[in-house]
Amino acid sequence: MVSKFMNQLKEWWKVWLEKHALSPKAAWWLGAISFLESSILIFPIDFLLIAILLSPNSEKKWAYYAWITTLWSIIGGVFGYLIGFSAFQGFGETIISTYGLEKIFSVIGGWYQDNALLAVFSAGFVPLIPYKVFTISAGLFQIPFLIFISASVVSRGIRFFAVAFIMKRWGKELGVIILKHFNTASIVLFILILLYFIL
């Protein structure tokens, strides 16, 4: 049942992207979906960001679009945190069960105990696990808000500005490759950033 729902959702997302990425209200949609992606929706907002930046002349506004994505993603993350903190029973549980994420949700509690800052930072950057799972669970497990928001600001900012800059610098050809292999590209970029700070 969950698998069928997810396939339908993916198809809807693909059609929606094609329709709205080139619309006059693309920036507005980018902000709205960035907010929802951090708390309710399942798909990475990067696909809409890249799709917008693939449109003619949009690369000139790469920083503007990256800023919109980052700001509203963080605000959405705070909303997800509040869901977990004060409305998990019912609302938060429904979001988690709708996407069939119960098992990974229970595992995240252990990750927070080991290193909450690294857990949120990794989640905000690498889209292997939907970010809303971390925002909601951060509120439920009462991760210190300062740690949560600091890790979110840094990880989301680096991720979206990196994607937008890559689009500006290397253009449409690389953008198409990133869309096709997004998870792999995100992991590679994440490792490179960690190595930069370590070395």
N, C-alpha and C. Protein backbone atom coordinates (compact mmCIF):
# COMPACT_ATOMS: atom_id res chain seq x y z
N MET A 1 0.83 -1.20 0.00
CA MET A 1 0.00 0.00 0.00
C MET A 1 0.87 1.26 0.00
N VAL A 2 1.87 1.26 0.89
CA VAL A 2 2.79 2.41 0.97
C VAL A 2 3.56 2.57 -0.32
N SER A 3 4.00 1.41 -0.90
CA SER A 3 4.76 1.44 -2.15
C SER A 3 3.94 2.04 -3.28
N LYS A 4 2.67 1.65 -3.37
CA LYS A 4 1.79 2.18 -4.41
C LYS A 4 1.60 3.67 -4.24
N PHE A 5 1.40 4.10 -2.99
CA PHE A 5 1.22 5.52 -2.69
C PHE A 5 2.46 6.31 -3.07
N MET A 6 3.64 5.77 -2.76
CA MET A 6 4.89 6.46 -3.06
C MET A 6 5.10 6.60 -4.57
N ASN A 7 4.76 5.56 -5.33
CA ASN A 7 4.89 5.63 -6.79
C ASN A 7 3.96 6.68 -7.38
N GLN A 8 2.75 6.76 -6.86
CA GLN A 8 1.80 7.77 -7.31
C GLN A 8 2.30 9.17 -6.97
N LEU A 9 2.90 9.28 -5.78
CA LEU A 9 3.41 10.57 -5.33
C LEU A 9 4.59 11.02 -6.19
N LYS A 10 5.45 10.09 -6.56
CA LYS A 10 6.60 10.41 -7.41
C LYS A 10 6.14 10.90 -8.79
N GLU A 11 5.13 10.24 -9.33
CA GLU A 11 4.61 10.64 -10.63
C GLU A 11 3.98 12.03 -10.56
N TRP A 12 3.23 12.25 -9.50
CA TRP A 12 2.63 13.58 -9.29
C TRP A 12 3.71 14.64 -9.18
N TRP A 13 4.80 14.36 -8.43
CA TRP A 13 5.89 15.30 -8.22
C TRP A 13 6.57 15.64 -9.54
N LYS A 14 6.76 14.66 -10.39
CA LYS A 14 7.40 14.88 -11.69
C LYS A 14 6.57 15.82 -12.55
N VAL A 15 5.27 15.56 -12.62
CA VAL A 15 4.36 16.41 -13.41
C VAL A 15 4.32 17.81 -12.83
N TRP A 16 4.26 17.89 -11.51
CA TRP A 16 4.19 19.19 -10.84
C TRP A 16 5.44 20.02 -11.12
N LEU A 17 6.60 19.38 -11.07
CA LEU A 17 7.86 20.08 -11.35
C LEU A 17 7.87 20.69 -12.74
N GLU A 18 7.49 19.87 -13.72
CA GLU A 18 7.51 20.33 -15.10
C GLU A 18 6.59 21.53 -15.30
N LYS A 19 5.51 21.57 -14.55
CA LYS A 19 4.54 22.65 -14.71
C LYS A 19 4.96 23.94 -14.01
N HIS A 20 5.51 23.84 -12.81
CA HIS A 20 5.73 25.02 -11.98
C HIS A 20 7.14 25.59 -12.00
N ALA A 21 8.12 24.81 -12.42
CA ALA A 21 9.50 25.31 -12.41
C ALA A 21 9.69 26.50 -13.34
N LEU A 22 8.90 26.57 -14.40
CA LEU A 22 9.04 27.64 -15.38
C LEU A 22 7.95 28.70 -15.24
N SER A 23 7.12 28.60 -14.21
CA SER A 23 6.02 29.54 -14.05
C SER A 23 6.51 30.86 -13.48
N PRO A 24 5.74 31.96 -13.68
CA PRO A 24 6.12 33.27 -13.12
C PRO A 24 6.21 33.25 -11.60
N LYS A 25 5.53 32.32 -10.96
CA LYS A 25 5.54 32.22 -9.50
C LYS A 25 6.52 31.15 -9.00
N ALA A 26 7.53 30.86 -9.80
CA ALA A 26 8.47 29.80 -9.43
C ALA A 26 9.14 30.06 -8.08
N ALA A 27 9.54 31.30 -7.82
CA ALA A 27 10.20 31.63 -6.55
C ALA A 27 9.25 31.42 -5.37
N TRP A 28 8.00 31.80 -5.58
CA TRP A 28 7.00 31.61 -4.52
C TRP A 28 6.80 30.12 -4.23
N TRP A 29 6.68 29.33 -5.28
CA TRP A 29 6.53 27.88 -5.12
C TRP A 29 7.76 27.28 -4.46
N LEU A 30 8.92 27.79 -4.81
CA LEU A 30 10.17 27.28 -4.23
C LEU A 30 10.17 27.46 -2.72
N GLY A 31 9.74 28.64 -2.27
CA GLY A 31 9.68 28.89 -0.83
C GLY A 31 8.65 28.02 -0.14
N ALA A 32 7.47 27.89 -0.76
CA ALA A 32 6.40 27.11 -0.15
C ALA A 32 6.77 25.63 -0.04
N ILE A 33 7.31 25.07 -1.11
CA ILE A 33 7.68 23.65 -1.11
C ILE A 33 8.90 23.40 -0.21
N SER A 34 9.81 24.38 -0.13
CA SER A 34 10.96 24.25 0.78
C SER A 34 10.47 24.11 2.22
N PHE A 35 9.47 24.89 2.56
CA PHE A 35 8.89 24.82 3.91
C PHE A 35 8.26 23.44 4.15
N LEU A 36 7.45 23.00 3.20
CA LEU A 36 6.73 21.74 3.37
C LEU A 36 7.65 20.52 3.32
N GLU A 37 8.73 20.62 2.52
CA GLU A 37 9.67 19.50 2.40
C GLU A 37 10.37 19.20 3.72
N SER A 38 10.53 20.21 4.55
CA SER A 38 11.22 20.01 5.83
C SER A 38 10.31 19.49 6.92
N SER A 39 9.02 19.42 6.63
CA SER A 39 8.10 19.01 7.69
C SER A 39 7.04 18.01 7.26
N ILE A 40 6.64 18.03 5.97
CA ILE A 40 5.53 17.19 5.53
C ILE A 40 5.83 16.39 4.27
N LEU A 41 6.34 17.06 3.22
CA LEU A 41 6.57 16.40 1.94
C LEU A 41 7.77 15.46 1.99
N ILE A 42 7.84 14.53 1.01
CA ILE A 42 8.85 13.48 1.05
C ILE A 42 10.02 13.72 0.12
N PHE A 43 9.86 14.51 -0.95
CA PHE A 43 10.89 14.61 -1.98
C PHE A 43 11.83 15.79 -1.75
N PRO A 44 13.11 15.62 -2.08
CA PRO A 44 14.08 16.72 -1.90
C PRO A 44 13.69 17.94 -2.71
N ILE A 45 13.76 19.11 -2.08
CA ILE A 45 13.44 20.37 -2.74
C ILE A 45 14.46 20.70 -3.83
N ASP A 46 15.62 20.05 -3.76
CA ASP A 46 16.68 20.32 -4.74
C ASP A 46 16.20 20.14 -6.18
N PHE A 47 15.29 19.21 -6.39
CA PHE A 47 14.80 18.97 -7.75
C PHE A 47 14.09 20.19 -8.32
N LEU A 48 13.31 20.87 -7.47
CA LEU A 48 12.65 22.09 -7.93
C LEU A 48 13.67 23.20 -8.11
N LEU A 49 14.62 23.32 -7.20
CA LEU A 49 15.67 24.34 -7.32
C LEU A 49 16.45 24.16 -8.62
N ILE A 50 16.87 22.94 -8.91
CA ILE A 50 17.63 22.66 -10.13
C ILE A 50 16.77 22.90 -11.37
N ALA A 51 15.51 22.47 -11.30
CA ALA A 51 14.62 22.67 -12.45
C ALA A 51 14.44 24.16 -12.75
N ILE A 52 14.33 24.98 -11.72
CA ILE A 52 14.21 26.43 -11.91
C ILE A 52 15.49 26.99 -12.51
N LEU A 53 16.63 26.53 -12.01
CA LEU A 53 17.91 27.03 -12.49
C LEU A 53 18.25 26.53 -13.90
N LEU A 54 17.51 25.55 -14.38
CA LEU A 54 17.69 25.08 -15.75
C LEU A 54 16.96 25.98 -16.75
N SER A 55 16.06 26.84 -16.25
CA SER A 55 15.31 27.71 -17.14
C SER A 55 16.20 28.85 -17.64
N PRO A 56 15.88 29.44 -18.79
CA PRO A 56 16.72 30.49 -19.40
C PRO A 56 16.97 31.68 -18.47
N ASN A 57 18.24 32.10 -18.38
CA ASN A 57 18.68 33.27 -17.63
C ASN A 57 18.54 33.16 -16.11
N SER A 58 18.05 32.04 -15.61
CA SER A 58 17.85 31.90 -14.17
C SER A 58 19.16 31.78 -13.40
N GLU A 59 20.23 31.33 -14.10
CA GLU A 59 21.52 31.16 -13.41
C GLU A 59 22.05 32.47 -12.85
N LYS A 60 21.60 33.59 -13.39
CA LYS A 60 22.03 34.89 -12.89
C LYS A 60 21.47 35.17 -11.49
N LYS A 61 20.40 34.46 -11.15
CA LYS A 61 19.76 34.66 -9.84
C LYS A 61 19.98 33.44 -8.94
N TRP A 62 21.09 32.72 -9.16
CA TRP A 62 21.32 31.48 -8.42
C TRP A 62 21.35 31.70 -6.91
N ALA A 63 22.00 32.79 -6.45
CA ALA A 63 22.09 33.05 -5.01
C ALA A 63 20.72 33.39 -4.42
N TYR A 64 19.93 34.09 -5.18
CA TYR A 64 18.57 34.46 -4.75
C TYR A 64 17.73 33.21 -4.52
N TYR A 65 17.76 32.30 -5.48
CA TYR A 65 16.99 31.06 -5.34
C TYR A 65 17.54 30.17 -4.23
N ALA A 66 18.85 30.15 -4.07
CA ALA A 66 19.45 29.36 -2.99
C ALA A 66 19.05 29.92 -1.63
N TRP A 67 18.99 31.26 -1.54
CA TRP A 67 18.61 31.90 -0.28
C TRP A 67 17.15 31.60 0.07
N ILE A 68 16.27 31.67 -0.91
CA ILE A 68 14.86 31.35 -0.67
C ILE A 68 14.71 29.91 -0.18
N THR A 69 15.39 29.00 -0.84
CA THR A 69 15.32 27.58 -0.48
C THR A 69 15.84 27.35 0.94
N THR A 70 16.97 27.95 1.25
CA THR A 70 17.57 27.78 2.57
C THR A 70 16.68 28.35 3.67
N LEU A 71 16.24 29.59 3.49
CA LEU A 71 15.43 30.26 4.52
C LEU A 71 14.16 29.48 4.83
N TRP A 72 13.40 29.13 3.79
CA TRP A 72 12.12 28.48 4.03
C TRP A 72 12.27 27.02 4.44
N SER A 73 13.38 26.40 4.07
CA SER A 73 13.64 25.05 4.53
C SER A 73 13.91 25.05 6.04
N ILE A 74 14.64 26.04 6.50
CA ILE A 74 14.92 26.16 7.94
C ILE A 74 13.64 26.44 8.71
N ILE A 75 12.82 27.36 8.19
CA ILE A 75 11.54 27.66 8.85
C ILE A 75 10.66 26.42 8.88
N GLY A 76 10.65 25.66 7.78
CA GLY A 76 9.90 24.41 7.75
C GLY A 76 10.45 23.40 8.74
N GLY A 77 11.77 23.39 8.91
CA GLY A 77 12.39 22.50 9.88
C GLY A 77 11.95 22.83 11.30
N VAL A 78 11.83 24.11 11.60
CA VAL A 78 11.36 24.55 12.91
C VAL A 78 9.92 24.08 13.12
N PHE A 79 9.12 24.16 12.06
CA PHE A 79 7.73 23.68 12.14
C PHE A 79 7.71 22.17 12.41
N GLY A 80 8.60 21.43 11.72
CA GLY A 80 8.70 19.99 11.96
C GLY A 80 9.10 19.70 13.40
N TYR A 81 10.03 20.49 13.91
CA TYR A 81 10.48 20.34 15.31
C TYR A 81 9.29 20.53 16.26
N LEU A 82 8.48 21.55 15.99
CA LEU A 82 7.31 21.83 16.84
C LEU A 82 6.28 20.71 16.75
N ILE A 83 6.16 20.10 15.56
CA ILE A 83 5.25 18.96 15.42
C ILE A 83 5.68 17.83 16.35
N GLY A 84 6.98 17.52 16.31
CA GLY A 84 7.48 16.45 17.17
C GLY A 84 7.41 16.79 18.64
N PHE A 85 7.63 18.06 18.96
CA PHE A 85 7.68 18.50 20.35
C PHE A 85 6.30 18.54 21.00
N SER A 86 5.30 19.00 20.23
CA SER A 86 4.00 19.24 20.87
C SER A 86 2.81 18.56 20.18
N ALA A 87 3.02 17.97 18.99
CA ALA A 87 1.87 17.39 18.29
C ALA A 87 2.22 16.07 17.62
N PHE A 88 3.13 15.31 18.22
CA PHE A 88 3.53 14.05 17.58
C PHE A 88 2.40 13.04 17.58
N GLN A 89 1.72 12.93 18.72
CA GLN A 89 0.61 11.99 18.80
C GLN A 89 -0.49 12.47 17.87
N GLY A 90 -0.73 11.73 16.84
CA GLY A 90 -1.74 12.11 15.87
C GLY A 90 -1.12 12.67 14.61
N PHE A 91 -0.71 13.93 14.65
CA PHE A 91 -0.21 14.61 13.46
C PHE A 91 1.15 14.07 13.02
N GLY A 92 2.13 14.08 13.93
CA GLY A 92 3.47 13.60 13.60
C GLY A 92 3.48 12.13 13.24
N GLU A 93 2.75 11.33 13.99
CA GLU A 93 2.68 9.90 13.71
C GLU A 93 2.09 9.63 12.33
N THR A 94 1.10 10.42 11.96
CA THR A 94 0.45 10.25 10.65
C THR A 94 1.44 10.51 9.51
N ILE A 95 2.26 11.56 9.65
CA ILE A 95 3.25 11.88 8.63
C ILE A 95 4.25 10.74 8.47
N ILE A 96 4.75 10.23 9.59
CA ILE A 96 5.74 9.15 9.57
C ILE A 96 5.15 7.87 8.98
N SER A 97 3.94 7.51 9.41
CA SER A 97 3.33 6.26 8.94
C SER A 97 2.90 6.35 7.48
N THR A 98 2.51 7.54 7.02
CA THR A 98 2.09 7.72 5.63
C THR A 98 3.19 7.32 4.66
N TYR A 99 4.44 7.65 5.01
CA TYR A 99 5.58 7.35 4.15
C TYR A 99 6.27 6.04 4.52
N GLY A 100 5.74 5.32 5.51
CA GLY A 100 6.33 4.05 5.90
C GLY A 100 7.70 4.18 6.51
N LEU A 101 7.90 5.20 7.36
CA LEU A 101 9.23 5.50 7.91
C LEU A 101 9.35 5.17 9.40
N GLU A 102 8.48 4.30 9.89
CA GLU A 102 8.47 4.01 11.33
C GLU A 102 9.80 3.43 11.82
N LYS A 103 10.37 2.48 11.06
CA LYS A 103 11.59 1.80 11.50
C LYS A 103 12.77 2.77 11.60
N ILE A 104 12.97 3.56 10.55
CA ILE A 104 14.09 4.50 10.57
C ILE A 104 13.89 5.57 11.63
N PHE A 105 12.63 5.91 11.90
CA PHE A 105 12.33 6.91 12.92
C PHE A 105 12.79 6.43 14.30
N SER A 106 12.58 5.15 14.58
CA SER A 106 12.98 4.61 15.88
C SER A 106 14.50 4.53 16.01
N VAL A 107 15.21 4.36 14.89
CA VAL A 107 16.67 4.28 14.91
C VAL A 107 17.29 5.65 15.20
N ILE A 108 16.64 6.70 14.72
CA ILE A 108 17.20 8.05 14.84
C ILE A 108 17.40 8.47 16.28
N GLY A 109 16.57 7.95 17.18
CA GLY A 109 16.73 8.28 18.60
C GLY A 109 18.12 7.92 19.09
N GLY A 110 18.64 6.76 18.66
CA GLY A 110 19.99 6.36 19.04
C GLY A 110 21.04 7.26 18.44
N TRP A 111 20.82 7.71 17.22
CA TRP A 111 21.77 8.62 16.58
C TRP A 111 21.87 9.93 17.34
N TYR A 112 20.72 10.41 17.81
CA TYR A 112 20.71 11.66 18.57
C TYR A 112 21.48 11.51 19.89
N GLN A 113 21.37 10.35 20.50
CA GLN A 113 22.10 10.12 21.75
C GLN A 113 23.60 10.12 21.52
N ASP A 114 24.04 9.59 20.37
CA ASP A 114 25.47 9.54 20.07
C ASP A 114 26.03 10.92 19.75
N ASN A 115 25.36 11.64 18.86
CA ASN A 115 25.84 12.97 18.46
C ASN A 115 24.71 13.71 17.74
N ALA A 116 23.94 14.49 18.48
CA ALA A 116 22.78 15.17 17.93
C ALA A 116 23.17 16.18 16.85
N LEU A 117 24.26 16.90 17.08
CA LEU A 117 24.70 17.92 16.13
C LEU A 117 25.05 17.30 14.78
N LEU A 118 25.84 16.22 14.80
CA LEU A 118 26.25 15.56 13.57
C LEU A 118 25.05 14.91 12.88
N ALA A 119 24.13 14.36 13.67
CA ALA A 119 22.95 13.71 13.11
C ALA A 119 22.10 14.69 12.31
N VAL A 120 21.84 15.86 12.90
CA VAL A 120 21.02 16.87 12.21
C VAL A 120 21.77 17.43 11.01
N PHE A 121 23.07 17.69 11.17
CA PHE A 121 23.86 18.23 10.06
C PHE A 121 23.87 17.28 8.88
N SER A 122 24.11 16.00 9.15
CA SER A 122 24.14 15.00 8.09
C SER A 122 22.79 14.89 7.40
N ALA A 123 21.73 14.91 8.19
CA ALA A 123 20.38 14.79 7.64
C ALA A 123 20.03 16.00 6.78
N GLY A 124 20.47 17.17 7.21
CA GLY A 124 20.18 18.38 6.47
C GLY A 124 20.91 18.45 5.15
N PHE A 125 21.98 17.68 5.03
CA PHE A 125 22.80 17.75 3.82
C PHE A 125 22.57 16.58 2.88
N VAL A 126 22.57 15.37 3.40
CA VAL A 126 22.45 14.16 2.58
C VAL A 126 21.00 13.67 2.60
N PRO A 127 20.35 13.57 1.43
CA PRO A 127 18.92 13.26 1.38
C PRO A 127 18.58 11.77 1.38
N LEU A 128 19.42 10.93 1.95
CA LEU A 128 19.12 9.50 1.97
C LEU A 128 17.92 9.20 2.86
N ILE A 129 17.79 9.97 3.93
CA ILE A 129 16.64 9.86 4.82
C ILE A 129 15.93 11.20 4.78
N PRO A 130 14.60 11.22 4.55
CA PRO A 130 13.88 12.49 4.46
C PRO A 130 14.15 13.39 5.66
N TYR A 131 14.41 14.65 5.39
CA TYR A 131 14.79 15.59 6.45
C TYR A 131 13.69 15.74 7.49
N LYS A 132 12.42 15.64 7.06
CA LYS A 132 11.33 15.82 8.01
C LYS A 132 11.35 14.77 9.12
N VAL A 133 11.92 13.58 8.85
CA VAL A 133 12.04 12.56 9.89
C VAL A 133 12.93 13.08 11.02
N PHE A 134 13.99 13.80 10.64
CA PHE A 134 14.90 14.34 11.65
C PHE A 134 14.31 15.55 12.36
N THR A 135 13.60 16.40 11.62
CA THR A 135 13.04 17.59 12.27
C THR A 135 11.96 17.20 13.28
N ILE A 136 11.10 16.27 12.88
CA ILE A 136 10.03 15.83 13.78
C ILE A 136 10.61 15.07 14.97
N SER A 137 11.56 14.17 14.70
CA SER A 137 12.16 13.39 15.79
C SER A 137 12.98 14.27 16.72
N ALA A 138 13.60 15.33 16.19
CA ALA A 138 14.37 16.24 17.04
C ALA A 138 13.47 16.88 18.09
N GLY A 139 12.26 17.24 17.67
CA GLY A 139 11.31 17.80 18.63
C GLY A 139 10.81 16.77 19.61
N LEU A 140 10.52 15.55 19.10
CA LEU A 140 10.01 14.49 19.97
C LEU A 140 11.04 14.09 21.02
N PHE A 141 12.31 13.95 20.62
CA PHE A 141 13.36 13.56 21.55
C PHE A 141 13.96 14.76 22.30
N GLN A 142 13.37 15.93 22.05
CA GLN A 142 13.75 17.17 22.75
C GLN A 142 15.24 17.47 22.64
N ILE A 143 15.74 17.40 21.41
CA ILE A 143 17.10 17.84 21.14
C ILE A 143 17.18 19.34 21.40
N PRO A 144 18.21 19.83 22.07
CA PRO A 144 18.31 21.27 22.34
C PRO A 144 18.09 22.09 21.06
N PHE A 145 17.19 23.06 21.15
CA PHE A 145 16.80 23.80 19.95
C PHE A 145 17.98 24.52 19.31
N LEU A 146 18.91 25.03 20.11
CA LEU A 146 20.06 25.74 19.57
C LEU A 146 20.92 24.81 18.72
N ILE A 147 21.11 23.58 19.18
CA ILE A 147 21.87 22.60 18.41
C ILE A 147 21.13 22.29 17.11
N PHE A 148 19.83 22.08 17.21
CA PHE A 148 19.02 21.76 16.04
C PHE A 148 19.07 22.87 15.00
N ILE A 149 18.85 24.10 15.42
CA ILE A 149 18.77 25.20 14.45
C ILE A 149 20.15 25.52 13.88
N SER A 150 21.21 25.40 14.69
CA SER A 150 22.56 25.68 14.20
C SER A 150 22.97 24.68 13.12
N ALA A 151 22.73 23.40 13.39
CA ALA A 151 23.07 22.35 12.42
C ALA A 151 22.23 22.50 11.16
N SER A 152 20.97 22.89 11.31
CA SER A 152 20.08 23.06 10.16
C SER A 152 20.54 24.21 9.28
N VAL A 153 20.87 25.34 9.89
CA VAL A 153 21.29 26.52 9.13
C VAL A 153 22.55 26.21 8.32
N VAL A 154 23.53 25.59 8.95
CA VAL A 154 24.79 25.31 8.27
C VAL A 154 24.60 24.27 7.17
N SER A 155 23.95 23.15 7.49
CA SER A 155 23.82 22.06 6.52
C SER A 155 22.92 22.43 5.36
N ARG A 156 21.78 23.04 5.65
CA ARG A 156 20.86 23.43 4.57
C ARG A 156 21.48 24.53 3.70
N GLY A 157 22.14 25.49 4.36
CA GLY A 157 22.77 26.57 3.60
C GLY A 157 23.85 26.06 2.67
N ILE A 158 24.74 25.22 3.18
CA ILE A 158 25.82 24.67 2.35
C ILE A 158 25.23 23.87 1.19
N ARG A 159 24.25 23.04 1.50
CA ARG A 159 23.68 22.16 0.47
C ARG A 159 23.04 22.95 -0.66
N PHE A 160 22.17 23.89 -0.35
CA PHE A 160 21.43 24.58 -1.40
C PHE A 160 22.29 25.60 -2.15
N PHE A 161 23.19 26.27 -1.45
CA PHE A 161 24.07 27.20 -2.15
C PHE A 161 25.07 26.45 -3.02
N ALA A 162 25.49 25.25 -2.56
CA ALA A 162 26.41 24.45 -3.38
C ALA A 162 25.72 23.99 -4.65
N VAL A 163 24.48 23.50 -4.53
CA VAL A 163 23.73 23.07 -5.71
C VAL A 163 23.54 24.22 -6.69
N ALA A 164 23.13 25.39 -6.17
CA ALA A 164 22.88 26.55 -7.02
C ALA A 164 24.17 27.04 -7.69
N PHE A 165 25.27 27.04 -6.94
CA PHE A 165 26.54 27.50 -7.50
C PHE A 165 27.03 26.56 -8.59
N ILE A 166 26.88 25.26 -8.35
CA ILE A 166 27.27 24.27 -9.36
C ILE A 166 26.48 24.50 -10.65
N MET A 167 25.20 24.79 -10.50
CA MET A 167 24.37 25.07 -11.67
C MET A 167 24.85 26.33 -12.40
N LYS A 168 25.22 27.35 -11.64
CA LYS A 168 25.71 28.58 -12.24
C LYS A 168 27.04 28.36 -12.95
N ARG A 169 27.92 27.61 -12.29
CA ARG A 169 29.28 27.44 -12.80
C ARG A 169 29.36 26.47 -13.97
N TRP A 170 28.64 25.35 -13.87
CA TRP A 170 28.78 24.31 -14.89
C TRP A 170 27.51 24.09 -15.72
N GLY A 171 26.43 24.75 -15.34
CA GLY A 171 25.26 24.82 -16.21
C GLY A 171 24.41 23.59 -16.37
N LYS A 172 23.69 23.57 -17.48
CA LYS A 172 22.62 22.61 -17.69
C LYS A 172 23.11 21.17 -17.78
N GLU A 173 24.25 20.95 -18.41
CA GLU A 173 24.73 19.58 -18.59
C GLU A 173 24.91 18.88 -17.25
N LEU A 174 25.58 19.58 -16.33
CA LEU A 174 25.81 19.00 -15.01
C LEU A 174 24.52 18.92 -14.21
N GLY A 175 23.63 19.87 -14.42
CA GLY A 175 22.35 19.86 -13.74
C GLY A 175 21.55 18.62 -14.05
N VAL A 176 21.55 18.22 -15.29
CA VAL A 176 20.83 17.01 -15.71
C VAL A 176 21.44 15.78 -15.04
N ILE A 177 22.77 15.74 -14.95
CA ILE A 177 23.45 14.61 -14.30
C ILE A 177 23.11 14.55 -12.82
N ILE A 178 23.10 15.72 -12.16
CA ILE A 178 22.78 15.78 -10.73
C ILE A 178 21.36 15.28 -10.49
N LEU A 179 20.43 15.70 -11.33
CA LEU A 179 19.04 15.25 -11.19
C LEU A 179 18.94 13.73 -11.30
N LYS A 180 19.73 13.17 -12.18
CA LYS A 180 19.66 11.72 -12.43
C LYS A 180 20.32 10.93 -11.32
N HIS A 181 21.40 11.48 -10.74
CA HIS A 181 22.15 10.76 -9.70
C HIS A 181 22.26 11.63 -8.44
N PHE A 182 21.12 12.14 -7.99
CA PHE A 182 21.15 13.14 -6.94
C PHE A 182 21.70 12.63 -5.62
N ASN A 183 21.27 11.46 -5.16
CA ASN A 183 21.74 10.93 -3.88
C ASN A 183 23.25 10.73 -3.88
N THR A 184 23.76 10.14 -4.96
CA THR A 184 25.21 9.90 -5.07
C THR A 184 25.97 11.22 -5.07
N ALA A 185 25.48 12.19 -5.84
CA ALA A 185 26.14 13.50 -5.91
C ALA A 185 26.16 14.18 -4.55
N SER A 186 25.07 14.05 -3.79
CA SER A 186 25.00 14.67 -2.46
C SER A 186 25.99 14.04 -1.50
N ILE A 187 26.11 12.71 -1.55
CA ILE A 187 27.05 12.01 -0.66
C ILE A 187 28.49 12.41 -0.97
N VAL A 188 28.83 12.46 -2.26
CA VAL A 188 30.18 12.85 -2.66
C VAL A 188 30.49 14.26 -2.20
N LEU A 189 29.56 15.18 -2.40
CA LEU A 189 29.77 16.57 -1.98
C LEU A 189 29.92 16.66 -0.47
N PHE A 190 29.11 15.90 0.26
CA PHE A 190 29.17 15.87 1.72
C PHE A 190 30.54 15.41 2.19
N ILE A 191 31.06 14.35 1.59
CA ILE A 191 32.37 13.82 1.97
C ILE A 191 33.47 14.83 1.66
N LEU A 192 33.39 15.48 0.51
CA LEU A 192 34.39 16.48 0.15
C LEU A 192 34.41 17.64 1.13
N ILE A 193 33.24 18.08 1.58
CA ILE A 193 33.16 19.18 2.56
C ILE A 193 33.75 18.74 3.89
N LEU A 194 33.44 17.52 4.32
CA LEU A 194 34.01 17.02 5.59
C LEU A 194 35.53 16.95 5.51
N LEU A 195 36.04 16.46 4.39
CA LEU A 195 37.50 16.37 4.21
C LEU A 195 38.14 17.75 4.21
N TYR A 196 37.45 18.72 3.62
CA TYR A 196 37.97 20.09 3.59
C TYR A 196 38.17 20.64 5.00
N PHE A 197 37.16 20.42 5.87
CA PHE A 197 37.25 20.95 7.23
C PHE A 197 38.21 20.13 8.10
N ILE A 198 38.30 18.82 7.83
CA ILE A 198 39.21 17.98 8.61
C ILE A 198 40.65 18.25 8.25
N LEU A 199 40.93 18.37 6.94
CA LEU A 199 42.30 18.57 6.48
C LEU A 199 42.68 20.06 6.43
